Amino acid sequence: MRLLTHNMLKCHVKNCTDPDKQYPLRFKDVQIEQIEYEPNEEFLVRMLPRIDWSALVKTARDLNIGIPDSVPKDPASDQEFLQKLHTIIMETHVTEGFMVCDGCSHEYKITKGIANMLLAEHEI
């Protein structure tokens, strides 16, 4: 699972005790793999407004991945920033582990890079 995907996921447990902590989900016991992809600067620039930057920074730092504190004023012309962004959101894959909601402690298992976001009937 790419960090781009993770940036858009939140807990959907019906009785989550603290809805303000449903996002971002925290990684636990994860295995990370770097998979190289051809950079697409146009895609990165177009996705940037959809990314929750503070959540991405928190997640990257939890995984010991260096990331700028903020987005530059003109990210389209900052090649170093775009390369770092590409590496973080497109090439960094979580292959195994869990995503945990800090609001209700529900764990979503990640297997072979796919997060199981299905809930049991009593959680819906």
Protein backbone atom coordinates (compact mmCIF):
# COMPACT_ATOMS: atom_id res chain seq x y z
CA MET A 1 0.00 0.00 0.00
CA ARG A 2 1.40 3.37 -1.00
CA LEU A 3 1.55 6.22 1.49
CA LEU A 4 -0.64 8.17 -0.93
CA THR A 5 -3.41 5.63 -0.32
CA HIS A 6 -2.85 5.67 3.43
CA ASN A 7 -3.21 9.46 3.41
CA MET A 8 -6.83 9.06 2.32
CA LEU A 9 -7.97 6.33 4.74
CA LYS A 10 -9.69 6.78 8.09
CA CYS A 11 -11.42 4.58 10.64
CA HIS A 12 -15.12 3.88 10.01
CA VAL A 13 -15.99 1.98 13.20
CA LYS A 14 -19.48 3.11 14.23
CA ASN A 15 -18.75 3.41 17.95
CA CYS A 16 -15.29 4.93 17.67
CA THR A 17 -14.76 6.62 21.05
CA ASP A 18 -12.99 9.68 19.66
CA PRO A 19 -13.92 10.61 16.08
CA ASP A 20 -11.26 13.36 16.07
CA LYS A 21 -8.61 10.61 16.23
CA GLN A 22 -9.96 8.48 13.36
CA TYR A 23 -7.42 10.04 11.00
CA PRO A 24 -4.65 9.45 10.19
CA LEU A 25 -4.42 5.79 11.02
CA ARG A 26 -1.18 4.91 12.80
CA PHE A 27 1.08 2.20 11.42
CA LYS A 28 2.09 -0.66 13.72
CA ASP A 29 4.62 -3.45 13.12
CA VAL A 30 4.98 -2.63 9.44
CA GLN A 31 7.34 -3.86 6.75
CA ILE A 32 8.26 -1.24 4.19
CA GLU A 33 9.50 -1.79 0.67
CA GLN A 34 10.82 0.77 -1.81
CA ILE A 35 9.57 0.05 -5.34
CA GLU A 36 10.91 2.36 -8.03
CA TYR A 37 8.46 3.97 -10.45
CA GLU A 38 8.88 6.44 -13.26
CA PRO A 39 8.26 9.94 -11.82
CA ASN A 40 5.26 11.87 -13.16
CA GLU A 41 5.63 15.49 -12.09
CA GLU A 42 2.28 16.55 -13.52
CA PHE A 43 0.50 13.88 -11.45
CA LEU A 44 2.35 14.93 -8.29
CA VAL A 45 1.48 18.60 -8.73
CA ARG A 46 -2.18 17.78 -9.42
CA MET A 47 -2.40 15.46 -6.38
CA LEU A 48 -0.77 17.89 -3.96
CA PRO A 49 -4.00 19.79 -3.09
CA ARG A 50 -5.69 16.47 -2.24
CA ILE A 51 -2.98 15.38 0.19
CA ASP A 52 -3.39 16.16 3.88
CA TRP A 53 0.16 17.43 4.33
CA SER A 54 0.21 17.41 8.14
CA ALA A 55 -1.02 13.79 8.19
CA LEU A 56 1.62 12.82 5.60
CA VAL A 57 4.35 14.51 7.65
CA LYS A 58 3.21 12.70 10.82
CA THR A 59 3.10 9.33 9.05
CA ALA A 60 6.45 9.80 7.33
CA ARG A 61 8.14 10.80 10.58
CA ASP A 62 6.56 7.83 12.41
CA LEU A 63 8.21 5.65 9.74
CA ASN A 64 11.54 7.54 10.04
CA ILE A 65 11.22 8.99 6.54
CA GLY A 66 12.55 12.51 6.06
CA ILE A 67 9.96 14.97 4.74
CA PRO A 68 9.77 18.77 4.50
CA ASP A 69 7.62 20.50 7.14
CA SER A 70 5.64 22.35 4.49
CA VAL A 71 4.94 22.48 0.77
CA PRO A 72 7.01 25.10 -1.09
CA LYS A 73 5.20 28.11 -2.55
CA ASP A 74 5.82 26.88 -6.09
CA PRO A 75 6.14 23.10 -5.84
CA ALA A 76 5.95 22.61 -9.63
CA SER A 77 9.32 24.28 -10.06
CA ASP A 78 11.07 22.66 -7.07
CA GLN A 79 12.62 19.49 -8.51
CA GLU A 80 14.14 18.39 -5.21
CA PHE A 81 10.76 18.64 -3.47
CA LEU A 82 8.97 16.77 -6.28
CA GLN A 83 11.53 13.96 -6.20
CA LYS A 84 11.18 13.60 -2.42
CA LEU A 85 7.38 13.67 -2.70
CA HIS A 86 7.49 11.02 -5.43
CA THR A 87 9.69 8.78 -3.29
CA ILE A 88 7.41 9.15 -0.27
CA ILE A 89 3.93 8.81 -1.77
CA MET A 90 4.59 6.63 -4.83
CA GLU A 91 7.63 4.47 -4.10
CA THR A 92 7.24 3.77 -0.38
CA HIS A 93 5.00 0.72 0.08
CA VAL A 94 3.80 -0.82 3.33
CA THR A 95 3.66 -4.52 2.56
CA GLU A 96 2.72 -6.05 5.94
CA GLY A 97 1.53 -4.86 9.33
CA PHE A 98 -1.40 -2.95 10.76
CA MET A 99 -3.05 0.45 10.67
CA VAL A 100 -4.47 1.41 14.07
CA CYS A 101 -7.15 3.96 14.89
CA ASP A 102 -6.09 6.15 17.82
CA GLY A 103 -9.77 6.81 18.58
CA CYS A 104 -10.94 3.24 19.19
CA SER A 105 -7.78 1.09 18.81
CA HIS A 106 -9.31 -0.89 15.93
CA GLU A 107 -6.60 -2.57 13.85
CA TYR A 108 -6.76 -2.90 10.08
CA LYS A 109 -4.45 -5.65 8.83
CA ILE A 110 -2.19 -5.07 5.83
CA THR A 111 -1.27 -8.22 3.91
CA LYS A 112 0.80 -8.27 0.72
CA GLY A 113 0.36 -4.50 0.45
CA ILE A 114 -3.45 -4.56 0.72
CA ALA A 115 -5.25 -3.10 3.71
CA ASN A 116 -8.34 -4.96 4.90
CA MET A 117 -10.77 -2.14 5.69
CA LEU A 118 -13.79 -4.44 6.13
CA LEU A 119 -15.54 -4.23 9.47
CA ALA A 120 -17.35 -6.91 11.45
CA GLU A 121 -21.13 -6.52 11.53
CA HIS A 122 -21.13 -5.19 15.11
CA GLU A 123 -18.69 -2.43 14.09
CA ILE A 124 -20.84 -1.07 11.28
